[in-house]
C-alpha atoms as a PDB file:
ATOM      1  CA  MET A   1      76.621  99.896 107.132  1.00  0.00           C
ATOM      2  CA  ILE A   2      78.139  99.167 110.504  1.00  0.00           C
ATOM      3  CA  LYS A   3      79.307  95.547 110.940  1.00  0.00           C
ATOM      4  CA  SER A   4      78.875  94.137 114.238  1.00  0.00           C
ATOM      5  CA  LEU A   5      82.017  93.018 116.375  1.00  0.00           C
ATOM      6  CA  ASP A   6      81.408  89.280 115.621  1.00  0.00           C
ATOM      7  CA  ASP A   7      81.090  90.015 111.847  1.00  0.00           C
ATOM      8  CA  ARG A   8      84.375  92.058 112.117  1.00  0.00           C
ATOM      9  CA  LEU A   9      86.016  89.264 114.038  1.00  0.00           C
ATOM     10  CA  ASN A  10      84.881  86.717 111.491  1.00  0.00           C
ATOM     11  CA  THR A  11      86.281  88.933 108.713  1.00  0.00           C
ATOM     12  CA  GLU A  12      89.611  89.563 110.567  1.00  0.00           C
ATOM     13  CA  GLN A  13      89.784  85.794 111.210  1.00  0.00           C
ATOM     14  CA  ARG A  14      89.490  84.945 107.549  1.00  0.00           C
ATOM     15  CA  ILE A  15      92.054  87.335 106.370  1.00  0.00           C
ATOM     16  CA  LEU A  16      94.509  85.864 108.863  1.00  0.00           C
ATOM     17  CA  GLU A  17      93.951  82.270 107.994  1.00  0.00           C
ATOM     18  CA  ALA A  18      94.475  83.631 104.107  1.00  0.00           C
ATOM     19  CA  ALA A  19      97.647  85.130 105.071  1.00  0.00           C
ATOM     20  CA  LYS A  20      98.810  82.005 106.861  1.00  0.00           C
ATOM     21  CA  HIS A  21      97.737  80.000 103.432  1.00  0.00           C
ATOM     22  CA  ILE A  22      99.798  82.556 101.443  1.00  0.00           C
ATOM     23  CA  ALA A  23     102.910  82.220 103.395  1.00  0.00           C
ATOM     24  CA  ILE A  24     102.677  78.582 103.043  1.00  0.00           C
ATOM     25  CA  ASP A  25     101.990  78.463  99.360  1.00  0.00           C
ATOM     26  CA  SER A  26     104.473  81.233  98.418  1.00  0.00           C
ATOM     27  CA  ASP A  27     107.547  82.587  99.523  1.00  0.00           C
ATOM     28  CA  ILE A  28     106.051  85.747 101.268  1.00  0.00           C
ATOM     29  CA  PRO A  29     106.036  85.470 104.950  1.00  0.00           C
ATOM     30  CA  ALA A  30     102.578  86.005 106.455  1.00  0.00           C
ATOM     31  CA  ALA A  31     103.624  89.023 108.455  1.00  0.00           C
ATOM     32  CA  HIS A  32     104.932  90.905 105.264  1.00  0.00           C
ATOM     33  CA  PHE A  33     101.527  90.014 103.572  1.00  0.00           C
ATOM     34  CA  MET A  34      99.481  91.453 106.398  1.00  0.00           C
ATOM     35  CA  ALA A  35     101.791  94.623 106.352  1.00  0.00           C
ATOM     36  CA  ASN A  36     101.324  95.161 102.694  1.00  0.00           C
ATOM     37  CA  PHE A  37      97.688  94.677 103.046  1.00  0.00           C
ATOM     38  CA  VAL A  38      97.188  96.785 105.898  1.00  0.00           C
ATOM     39  CA  SER A  39      99.371  99.657 104.849  1.00  0.00           C
ATOM     40  CA  MET A  40      97.800  99.917 101.356  1.00  0.00           C
ATOM     41  CA  CYS A  41      94.354  99.843 102.832  1.00  0.00           C
ATOM     42  CA  VAL A  42      95.115 102.517 105.568  1.00  0.00           C
ATOM     43  CA  PHE A  43      97.686 105.052 103.974  1.00  0.00           C
ATOM     44  CA  PRO A  44      95.235 106.584 101.728  1.00  0.00           C
ATOM     45  CA  PHE A  45      93.005 107.495 104.720  1.00  0.00           C
ATOM     46  CA  ILE A  46      96.236 108.880 106.729  1.00  0.00           C
ATOM     47  CA  ALA A  47      97.284 110.831 103.940  1.00  0.00           C
ATOM     48  CA  GLN A  48      94.041 112.035 102.651  1.00  0.00           C
ATOM     49  CA  PRO A  49      94.699 115.812 103.017  1.00  0.00           C
ATOM     50  CA  LEU A  50      98.019 115.203 100.620  1.00  0.00           C
ATOM     51  CA  PHE A  51      95.787 113.167  98.307  1.00  0.00           C
ATOM     52  CA  LYS A  52      93.181 115.819  98.181  1.00  0.00           C
ATOM     53  CA  GLU A  53      95.603 118.624  97.693  1.00  0.00           C
ATOM     54  CA  PHE A  54      97.510 117.123  94.963  1.00  0.00           C
ATOM     55  CA  PHE A  55      95.727 114.442  93.171  1.00  0.00           C
ATOM     56  CA  VAL A  56      91.946 114.970  93.244  1.00  0.00           C
ATOM     57  CA  ASN A  57      91.997 118.860  93.082  1.00  0.00           C
ATOM     58  CA  ASP A  58      88.974 119.628  95.356  1.00  0.00           C
ATOM     59  CA  GLU A  59      86.509 117.709  93.413  1.00  0.00           C
ATOM     60  CA  PRO A  60      84.207 116.406  96.093  1.00  0.00           C
ATOM     61  CA  GLU A  61      83.644 112.635  94.703  1.00  0.00           C
ATOM     62  CA  ALA A  62      87.261 112.232  93.426  1.00  0.00           C
ATOM     63  CA  PHE A  63      88.602 110.961  96.633  1.00  0.00           C
ATOM     64  CA  ASN A  64      85.810 108.422  96.792  1.00  0.00           C
ATOM     65  CA  HIS A  65      86.516 107.249  93.264  1.00  0.00           C
ATOM     66  CA  PHE A  66      90.163 106.882  94.074  1.00  0.00           C
ATOM     67  CA  ILE A  67      89.197 104.652  97.135  1.00  0.00           C
ATOM     68  CA  GLU A  68      86.810 102.562  94.911  1.00  0.00           C
ATOM     69  CA  GLU A  69      89.744 102.203  92.189  1.00  0.00           C
ATOM     70  CA  ARG A  70      91.983 101.493  95.140  1.00  0.00           C
ATOM     71  CA  LYS A  71      89.955  98.207  96.180  1.00  0.00           C
ATOM     72  CA  ARG A  72      90.776  96.534  93.050  1.00  0.00           C
ATOM     73  CA  ILE A  73      94.129  98.012  92.544  1.00  0.00           C
ATOM     74  CA  ILE A  74      95.101  96.688  96.221  1.00  0.00           C
ATOM     75  CA  VAL A  75      93.808  93.141  95.388  1.00  0.00           C
ATOM     76  CA  GLU A  76      95.544  92.987  91.948  1.00  0.00           C
ATOM     77  CA  THR A  77      98.899  94.190  93.627  1.00  0.00           C
ATOM     78  CA  LEU A  78      98.682  91.612  96.099  1.00  0.00           C
ATOM     79  CA  MET A  79      97.599  88.792  93.939  1.00  0.00           C
ATOM     80  CA  ARG A  80     100.647  89.709  91.613  1.00  0.00           C
ATOM     81  CA  GLY A  81     103.103  89.285  94.622  1.00  0.00           C
ATOM     82  CA  ILE A  82     101.790  85.834  95.221  1.00  0.00           C
ATOM     83  CA  ALA A  83     101.239  84.385  91.850  1.00  0.00           C
ATOM     84  CA  GLY A  84     102.697  86.548  89.173  1.00  0.00           C
ATOM     85  CA  PRO A  85     100.677  88.643  86.443  1.00  0.00           C
ATOM     86  CA  LEU A  86      97.114  87.986  86.543  1.00  0.00           C
ATOM     87  CA  PRO A  87      95.296  86.841  83.219  1.00  0.00           C
ATOM     88  CA  ALA A  88      93.551  89.482  81.499  1.00  0.00           C
ATOM     89  CA  SER A  89      90.124  87.899  82.154  1.00  0.00           C
ATOM     90  CA  ALA A  90      90.509  88.387  86.098  1.00  0.00           C
ATOM     91  CA  ASN A  91      87.954  90.559  87.328  1.00  0.00           C
ATOM     92  CA  PHE A  92      87.694  92.149  90.898  1.00  0.00           C
END
């Protein structure tokens, strides 16, 4: 599904607002939070040939599965950086 420009801008604005609150509520500056967030999201796609060659062994759906796992791992990693370890009951 392709989001409209308004939807994308709204999402980007919400992310920026969250980053500002994180900078206020923790010792992570907003710019560093956003750099971590963006790099964790973008890098697997930039390095996709490397990942496919060394980690997913030419299985057609393996990279897609990796990306689905990555969504959860990114959230968990960022949340741990902000608040410390997540409770076992946290589900993303």
